[in-house]
Amino acid sequence: MYTVIGHPRSRTLRVLYALEEMGLDYTLDPQMPRSDRVMALNPSGKIPVLMTDEGPITDSVAIMTYLADRHGQLTHKPGTYARARQDAMTQFLVAEIDAALWTYAKHSFALPEDLRVPEVKPTAQKEFARAIGLVEQMKGEQPFLAGERITLPDLILCQCSGWALRAGFDVPDGAFGDWLKGLARRPAMQRALKQIEALG
């Protein structure tokens, strides 16, 4: 059984979503960033951390990739063209979507107040809007971001979209918006979200 360390109102949620989609057993230790337990496992103090039989794994995308490859779910086979396209989409989401949201968050509350530059926040919102528009184009008419079945990029985008909505960003509507809402309504994501409710 895996142990996920990190509060689910963070990137930890995308890891819980993946575990729920794969039907894997796990326990959740809802630690906040830079808690004593987190610092002992990850010098950066960032969450989530996944505890495995071999030791801890840090970074949400690294954790999700490990789980997908190990259990043969939510991913295309390593070394294939389909996997390369999947990985390209994952990297785009991290570099463009997640990065814009994190820039906004850092200059809203995460950084010490004297280091915040509120003037960058509108730029982060514009960068997010540009990037998610490109994701909509890249998805096109296919059922999921990397083809005919759900894979890790879909889960990452779903979590980022919820983050964006909570931060007051504009998220696309229309058919693409309905598709995003469908990802959020999946039973696995609903089970993951209930863990936030349980913590109050």
Foldseek 3Di string as FASTA:
>chain_A
DKEKEAACLDLSLLVLLLCLVLVHDYHYHHDYFPDPVQCVQPVVSDDIWMQDPVGIDHDSVVSSVVVCQVSVPQADDPPDPLRVQVVVLVVLCVVQLVVLLVLLVCLPPVPPVVPHDNVCNVVSLVSNVVSVVVQCVCCPPALESSHPDGHSSLSSVLSSVVSCVVVPHDDDDDPVNVSSVVSCPPPSNVVSVVSNVVVD
